[in-house]
PDB file of all heavy atoms in Angstrom:
ATOM      1  N   THR A   1      -0.020  -9.998   1.431  1.00  0.00           N
ATOM      2  CA  THR A   1       0.208 -10.218  -0.002  1.00  0.00           C
ATOM      3  C   THR A   1       0.645  -8.921  -0.678  1.00  0.00           C
ATOM      4  O   THR A   1       1.579  -8.909  -1.483  1.00  0.00           O
ATOM      5  CB  THR A   1      -1.079 -10.763  -0.671  1.00  0.00           C
ATOM      6  OG1 THR A   1      -1.439 -11.996  -0.043  1.00  0.00           O
ATOM      7  CG2 THR A   1      -0.883 -10.982  -2.156  1.00  0.00           C
ATOM      8  N   ILE A   2      -0.019  -7.805  -0.334  1.00  0.00           N
ATOM      9  CA  ILE A   2       0.349  -6.506  -0.898  1.00  0.00           C
ATOM     10  C   ILE A   2       1.761  -6.128  -0.460  1.00  0.00           C
ATOM     11  O   ILE A   2       2.573  -5.679  -1.269  1.00  0.00           O
ATOM     12  CB  ILE A   2      -0.670  -5.426  -0.490  1.00  0.00           C
ATOM     13  CG1 ILE A   2      -2.036  -5.725  -1.124  1.00  0.00           C
ATOM     14  CG2 ILE A   2      -0.179  -4.026  -0.888  1.00  0.00           C
ATOM     15  CD1 ILE A   2      -3.179  -4.877  -0.595  1.00  0.00           C
ATOM     16  N   ARG A   3       2.059  -6.348   0.820  1.00  0.00           N
ATOM     17  CA  ARG A   3       3.417  -6.063   1.322  1.00  0.00           C
ATOM     18  C   ARG A   3       4.456  -6.855   0.532  1.00  0.00           C
ATOM     19  O   ARG A   3       5.482  -6.315   0.114  1.00  0.00           O
ATOM     20  CB  ARG A   3       3.527  -6.446   2.791  1.00  0.00           C
ATOM     21  CG  ARG A   3       2.860  -5.517   3.752  1.00  0.00           C
ATOM     22  CD  ARG A   3       2.989  -6.082   5.168  1.00  0.00           C
ATOM     23  NE  ARG A   3       2.372  -5.255   6.160  1.00  0.00           N
ATOM     24  CZ  ARG A   3       1.704  -5.722   7.214  1.00  0.00           C
ATOM     25  NH1 ARG A   3       1.583  -7.041   7.401  1.00  0.00           N
ATOM     26  NH2 ARG A   3       1.169  -4.903   8.086  1.00  0.00           N
ATOM     27  N   ASP A   4       4.198  -8.142   0.358  1.00  0.00           N
ATOM     28  CA  ASP A   4       5.143  -9.018  -0.345  1.00  0.00           C
ATOM     29  C   ASP A   4       5.277  -8.631  -1.821  1.00  0.00           C
ATOM     30  O   ASP A   4       6.382  -8.632  -2.369  1.00  0.00           O
ATOM     31  CB  ASP A   4       4.709 -10.482  -0.244  1.00  0.00           C
ATOM     32  CG  ASP A   4       4.777 -11.035   1.167  1.00  0.00           C
ATOM     33  OD1 ASP A   4       5.415 -10.399   2.038  1.00  0.00           O
ATOM     34  OD2 ASP A   4       4.169 -12.100   1.411  1.00  0.00           O
ATOM     35  N   GLU A   5       4.165  -8.317  -2.448  1.00  0.00           N
ATOM     36  CA  GLU A   5       4.148  -8.030  -3.886  1.00  0.00           C
ATOM     37  C   GLU A   5       4.758  -6.659  -4.213  1.00  0.00           C
ATOM     38  O   GLU A   5       5.464  -6.513  -5.201  1.00  0.00           O
ATOM     39  CB  GLU A   5       2.707  -8.109  -4.403  1.00  0.00           C
ATOM     40  CG  GLU A   5       2.568  -8.072  -5.896  1.00  0.00           C
ATOM     41  CD  GLU A   5       3.095  -9.304  -6.617  1.00  0.00           C
ATOM     42  OE1 GLU A   5       3.267 -10.380  -6.008  1.00  0.00           O
ATOM     43  OE2 GLU A   5       3.353  -9.174  -7.825  1.00  0.00           O
ATOM     44  N   LEU A   6       4.462  -5.659  -3.377  1.00  0.00           N
ATOM     45  CA  LEU A   6       4.879  -4.287  -3.690  1.00  0.00           C
ATOM     46  C   LEU A   6       6.033  -3.777  -2.833  1.00  0.00           C
ATOM     47  O   LEU A   6       6.638  -2.760  -3.157  1.00  0.00           O
ATOM     48  CB  LEU A   6       3.687  -3.327  -3.552  1.00  0.00           C
ATOM     49  CG  LEU A   6       2.486  -3.602  -4.449  1.00  0.00           C
ATOM     50  CD1 LEU A   6       1.381  -2.603  -4.174  1.00  0.00           C
ATOM     51  CD2 LEU A   6       2.885  -3.588  -5.928  1.00  0.00           C
ATOM     52  N   GLY A   7       6.293  -4.435  -1.708  1.00  0.00           N
ATOM     53  CA  GLY A   7       7.362  -3.997  -0.831  1.00  0.00           C
ATOM     54  C   GLY A   7       7.041  -2.726  -0.058  1.00  0.00           C
ATOM     55  O   GLY A   7       7.946  -1.973   0.292  1.00  0.00           O
ATOM     56  N   ILE A   8       5.747  -2.480   0.163  1.00  0.00           N
ATOM     57  CA  ILE A   8       5.341  -1.294   0.933  1.00  0.00           C
ATOM     58  C   ILE A   8       4.388  -1.712   2.044  1.00  0.00           C
ATOM     59  O   ILE A   8       3.798  -2.791   2.002  1.00  0.00           O
ATOM     60  CB  ILE A   8       4.665  -0.213   0.065  1.00  0.00           C
ATOM     61  CG1 ILE A   8       3.422  -0.753  -0.659  1.00  0.00           C
ATOM     62  CG2 ILE A   8       5.665   0.395  -0.901  1.00  0.00           C
ATOM     63  CD1 ILE A   8       2.604   0.297  -1.394  1.00  0.00           C
ATOM     64  N   ASP A   9       4.248  -0.830   3.017  1.00  0.00           N
ATOM     65  CA  ASP A   9       3.327  -1.040   4.131  1.00  0.00           C
ATOM     66  C   ASP A   9       2.335   0.117   4.153  1.00  0.00           C
ATOM     67  O   ASP A   9       2.443   1.057   3.357  1.00  0.00           O
ATOM     68  CB  ASP A   9       4.112  -1.126   5.446  1.00  0.00           C
ATOM     69  CG  ASP A   9       3.409  -1.997   6.484  1.00  0.00           C
ATOM     70  OD1 ASP A   9       2.179  -2.196   6.377  1.00  0.00           O
ATOM     71  OD2 ASP A   9       4.092  -2.475   7.394  1.00  0.00           O
ATOM     72  N   ASP A  10       1.415   0.062   5.077  1.00  0.00           N
ATOM     73  CA  ASP A  10       0.400   1.094   5.228  1.00  0.00           C
ATOM     74  C   ASP A  10       1.046   2.477   5.282  1.00  0.00           C
ATOM     75  O   ASP A  10       1.989   2.703   6.037  1.00  0.00           O
ATOM     76  CB  ASP A  10      -0.410   0.828   6.506  1.00  0.00           C
ATOM     77  CG  ASP A  10      -1.557   1.793   6.681  1.00  0.00           C
ATOM     78  OD1 ASP A  10      -2.048   2.350   5.677  1.00  0.00           O
ATOM     79  OD2 ASP A  10      -1.989   1.989   7.827  1.00  0.00           O
ATOM     80  N   GLY A  11       0.550   3.388   4.447  1.00  0.00           N
ATOM     81  CA  GLY A  11       1.048   4.758   4.427  1.00  0.00           C
ATOM     82  C   GLY A  11       2.257   4.978   3.534  1.00  0.00           C
ATOM     83  O   GLY A  11       2.758   6.090   3.442  1.00  0.00           O
ATOM     84  N   GLU A  12       2.706   3.949   2.843  1.00  0.00           N
ATOM     85  CA  GLU A  12       3.908   4.061   2.018  1.00  0.00           C
ATOM     86  C   GLU A  12       3.568   4.032   0.526  1.00  0.00           C
ATOM     87  O   GLU A  12       2.484   3.609   0.128  1.00  0.00           O
ATOM     88  CB  GLU A  12       4.893   2.943   2.341  1.00  0.00           C
ATOM     89  CG  GLU A  12       5.418   2.995   3.764  1.00  0.00           C
ATOM     90  CD  GLU A  12       6.365   1.857   4.102  1.00  0.00           C
ATOM     91  OE1 GLU A  12       6.448   0.854   3.363  1.00  0.00           O
ATOM     92  OE2 GLU A  12       7.049   1.988   5.135  1.00  0.00           O
ATOM     93  N   THR A  13       4.541   4.461  -0.273  1.00  0.00           N
ATOM     94  CA  THR A  13       4.419   4.488  -1.730  1.00  0.00           C
ATOM     95  C   THR A  13       5.612   3.743  -2.310  1.00  0.00           C
ATOM     96  O   THR A  13       6.727   3.869  -1.805  1.00  0.00           O
ATOM     97  CB  THR A  13       4.398   5.949  -2.244  1.00  0.00           C
ATOM     98  OG1 THR A  13       3.264   6.615  -1.671  1.00  0.00           O
ATOM     99  CG2 THR A  13       4.295   6.020  -3.755  1.00  0.00           C
ATOM    100  N   THR A  14       5.364   2.994  -3.373  1.00  0.00           N
ATOM    101  CA  THR A  14       6.454   2.273  -4.028  1.00  0.00           C
ATOM    102  C   THR A  14       7.472   3.254  -4.579  1.00  0.00           C
ATOM    103  O   THR A  14       7.135   4.398  -4.906  1.00  0.00           O
ATOM    104  CB  THR A  14       5.929   1.369  -5.173  1.00  0.00           C
ATOM    105  OG1 THR A  14       5.185   2.175  -6.099  1.00  0.00           O
ATOM    106  CG2 THR A  14       5.067   0.238  -4.652  1.00  0.00           C
ATOM    107  N   GLU A  15       8.710   2.816  -4.689  1.00  0.00           N
ATOM    108  CA  GLU A  15       9.798   3.689  -5.161  1.00  0.00           C
ATOM    109  C   GLU A  15       9.523   4.252  -6.542  1.00  0.00           C
ATOM    110  O   GLU A  15       9.928   5.375  -6.856  1.00  0.00           O
ATOM    111  CB  GLU A  15      11.131   2.935  -5.155  1.00  0.00           C
ATOM    112  CG  GLU A  15      11.693   2.768  -3.767  1.00  0.00           C
ATOM    113  CD  GLU A  15      13.090   2.155  -3.774  1.00  0.00           C
ATOM    114  OE1 GLU A  15      13.801   2.293  -4.799  1.00  0.00           O
ATOM    115  OE2 GLU A  15      13.466   1.567  -2.754  1.00  0.00           O
ATOM    116  N   ASP A  16       8.811   3.490  -7.384  1.00  0.00           N
ATOM    117  CA  ASP A  16       8.515   3.971  -8.739  1.00  0.00           C
ATOM    118  C   ASP A  16       7.329   4.934  -8.767  1.00  0.00           C
ATOM    119  O   ASP A  16       6.960   5.450  -9.823  1.00  0.00           O
ATOM    120  CB  ASP A  16       8.282   2.802  -9.696  1.00  0.00           C
ATOM    121  CG  ASP A  16       7.094   1.921  -9.304  1.00  0.00           C
ATOM    122  OD1 ASP A  16       6.351   2.255  -8.356  1.00  0.00           O
ATOM    123  OD2 ASP A  16       6.909   0.872  -9.959  1.00  0.00           O
ATOM    124  N   GLY A  17       6.718   5.179  -7.606  1.00  0.00           N
ATOM    125  CA  GLY A  17       5.602   6.116  -7.525  1.00  0.00           C
ATOM    126  C   GLY A  17       4.304   5.584  -8.101  1.00  0.00           C
ATOM    127  O   GLY A  17       3.344   6.329  -8.281  1.00  0.00           O
ATOM    128  N   LEU A  18       4.238   4.292  -8.335  1.00  0.00           N
ATOM    129  CA  LEU A  18       3.056   3.716  -8.968  1.00  0.00           C
ATOM    130  C   LEU A  18       1.946   3.394  -7.965  1.00  0.00           C
ATOM    131  O   LEU A  18       0.774   3.660  -8.225  1.00  0.00           O
ATOM    132  CB  LEU A  18       3.463   2.454  -9.739  1.00  0.00           C
ATOM    133  CG  LEU A  18       2.539   1.995 -10.850  1.00  0.00           C
ATOM    134  CD1 LEU A  18       2.273   3.103 -11.861  1.00  0.00           C
ATOM    135  CD2 LEU A  18       3.141   0.788 -11.562  1.00  0.00           C
ATOM    136  N   PHE A  19       2.314   2.827  -6.808  1.00  0.00           N
ATOM    137  CA  PHE A  19       1.309   2.393  -5.828  1.00  0.00           C
ATOM    138  C   PHE A  19       1.521   3.039  -4.465  1.00  0.00           C
ATOM    139  O   PHE A  19       2.649   3.167  -4.009  1.00  0.00           O
ATOM    140  CB  PHE A  19       1.382   0.873  -5.622  1.00  0.00           C
ATOM    141  CG  PHE A  19       1.043   0.057  -6.829  1.00  0.00           C
ATOM    142  CD1 PHE A  19       2.042  -0.431  -7.651  1.00  0.00           C
ATOM    143  CD2 PHE A  19      -0.281  -0.241  -7.143  1.00  0.00           C
ATOM    144  CE1 PHE A  19       1.744  -1.199  -8.766  1.00  0.00           C
ATOM    145  CE2 PHE A  19      -0.596  -1.008  -8.251  1.00  0.00           C
ATOM    146  CZ  PHE A  19       0.421  -1.492  -9.066  1.00  0.00           C
ATOM    147  N   SER A  20       0.409   3.405  -3.831  1.00  0.00           N
ATOM    148  CA  SER A  20       0.403   3.811  -2.422  1.00  0.00           C
ATOM    149  C   SER A  20      -0.612   2.944  -1.714  1.00  0.00           C
ATOM    150  O   SER A  20      -1.643   2.577  -2.289  1.00  0.00           O
ATOM    151  CB  SER A  20       0.006   5.282  -2.263  1.00  0.00           C
ATOM    152  OG  SER A  20       0.982   6.131  -2.785  1.00  0.00           O
ATOM    153  N   LEU A  21      -0.332   2.621  -0.455  1.00  0.00           N
ATOM    154  CA  LEU A  21      -1.214   1.764   0.331  1.00  0.00           C
ATOM    155  C   LEU A  21      -1.733   2.509   1.544  1.00  0.00           C
ATOM    156  O   LEU A  21      -0.962   3.153   2.262  1.00  0.00           O
ATOM    157  CB  LEU A  21      -0.463   0.512   0.788  1.00  0.00           C
ATOM    158  CG  LEU A  21      -1.211  -0.443   1.722  1.00  0.00           C
ATOM    159  CD1 LEU A  21      -2.477  -0.992   1.059  1.00  0.00           C
ATOM    160  CD2 LEU A  21      -0.290  -1.577   2.155  1.00  0.00           C
ATOM    161  N   LYS A  22      -3.051   2.419   1.739  1.00  0.00           N
ATOM    162  CA  LYS A  22      -3.673   3.010   2.918  1.00  0.00           C
ATOM    163  C   LYS A  22      -4.689   2.005   3.461  1.00  0.00           C
ATOM    164  O   LYS A  22      -5.611   1.608   2.760  1.00  0.00           O
ATOM    165  CB  LYS A  22      -4.362   4.319   2.562  1.00  0.00           C
ATOM    166  CG  LYS A  22      -5.004   4.995   3.759  1.00  0.00           C
ATOM    167  CD  LYS A  22      -5.383   6.413   3.425  1.00  0.00           C
ATOM    168  CE  LYS A  22      -5.942   7.155   4.595  1.00  0.00           C
ATOM    169  NZ  LYS A  22      -4.989   7.490   5.617  1.00  0.00           N
ATOM    170  N   CYS A  23      -4.477   1.592   4.692  1.00  0.00           N
ATOM    171  CA  CYS A  23      -5.450   0.724   5.356  1.00  0.00           C
ATOM    172  C   CYS A  23      -6.542   1.616   5.937  1.00  0.00           C
ATOM    173  O   CYS A  23      -6.240   2.624   6.579  1.00  0.00           O
ATOM    174  CB  CYS A  23      -4.781  -0.096   6.451  1.00  0.00           C
ATOM    175  SG  CYS A  23      -3.616  -1.312   5.797  1.00  0.00           S
ATOM    176  N   VAL A  24      -7.786   1.272   5.684  1.00  0.00           N
ATOM    177  CA  VAL A  24      -8.914   2.096   6.131  1.00  0.00           C
ATOM    178  C   VAL A  24      -9.847   1.276   7.014  1.00  0.00           C
ATOM    179  O   VAL A  24      -9.888   0.051   6.933  1.00  0.00           O
ATOM    180  CB  VAL A  24      -9.691   2.687   4.935  1.00  0.00           C
ATOM    181  CG1 VAL A  24      -8.794   3.625   4.125  1.00  0.00           C
ATOM    182  CG2 VAL A  24     -10.264   1.608   4.036  1.00  0.00           C
ATOM    183  N   ALA A  25     -10.601   1.983   7.852  1.00  0.00           N
ATOM    184  CA  ALA A  25     -11.479   1.320   8.819  1.00  0.00           C
ATOM    185  C   ALA A  25     -12.617   0.570   8.144  1.00  0.00           C
ATOM    186  O   ALA A  25     -12.963  -0.522   8.562  1.00  0.00           O
ATOM    187  CB  ALA A  25     -12.031   2.349   9.802  1.00  0.00           C
ATOM    188  N   CYS A  26     -13.205   1.134   7.092  1.00  0.00           N
ATOM    189  CA  CYS A  26     -14.323   0.462   6.427  1.00  0.00           C
ATOM    190  C   CYS A  26     -14.585   1.105   5.079  1.00  0.00           C
ATOM    191  O   CYS A  26     -14.581   2.331   4.968  1.00  0.00           O
ATOM    192  CB  CYS A  26     -15.583   0.534   7.286  1.00  0.00           C
ATOM    193  SG  CYS A  26     -16.972  -0.390   6.591  1.00  0.00           S
ATOM    194  N   LEU A  27     -14.819   0.292   4.075  1.00  0.00           N
ATOM    195  CA  LEU A  27     -15.179   0.793   2.752  1.00  0.00           C
ATOM    196  C   LEU A  27     -16.675   0.663   2.487  1.00  0.00           C
ATOM    197  O   LEU A  27     -17.159   1.092   1.447  1.00  0.00           O
ATOM    198  CB  LEU A  27     -14.390   0.050   1.662  1.00  0.00           C
ATOM    199  CG  LEU A  27     -12.906   0.374   1.597  1.00  0.00           C
ATOM    200  CD1 LEU A  27     -12.199  -0.552   0.606  1.00  0.00           C
ATOM    201  CD2 LEU A  27     -12.682   1.827   1.213  1.00  0.00           C
ATOM    202  N   GLY A  28     -17.409   0.048   3.421  1.00  0.00           N
ATOM    203  CA  GLY A  28     -18.852  -0.088   3.259  1.00  0.00           C
ATOM    204  C   GLY A  28     -19.255  -1.132   2.234  1.00  0.00           C
ATOM    205  O   GLY A  28     -20.341  -1.069   1.669  1.00  0.00           O
TER     206      GLY A  28
END
C-alpha cells in the first residue's frame, strides 16, 4: 500500500522529499 501510494520502496525517499520508507525488524 505504501509502495502504491508513495511510489517508493524500502530505503527510498519520495521525489518531493516528504516521505522516506525504512522497513525494520521490530518496533516492539
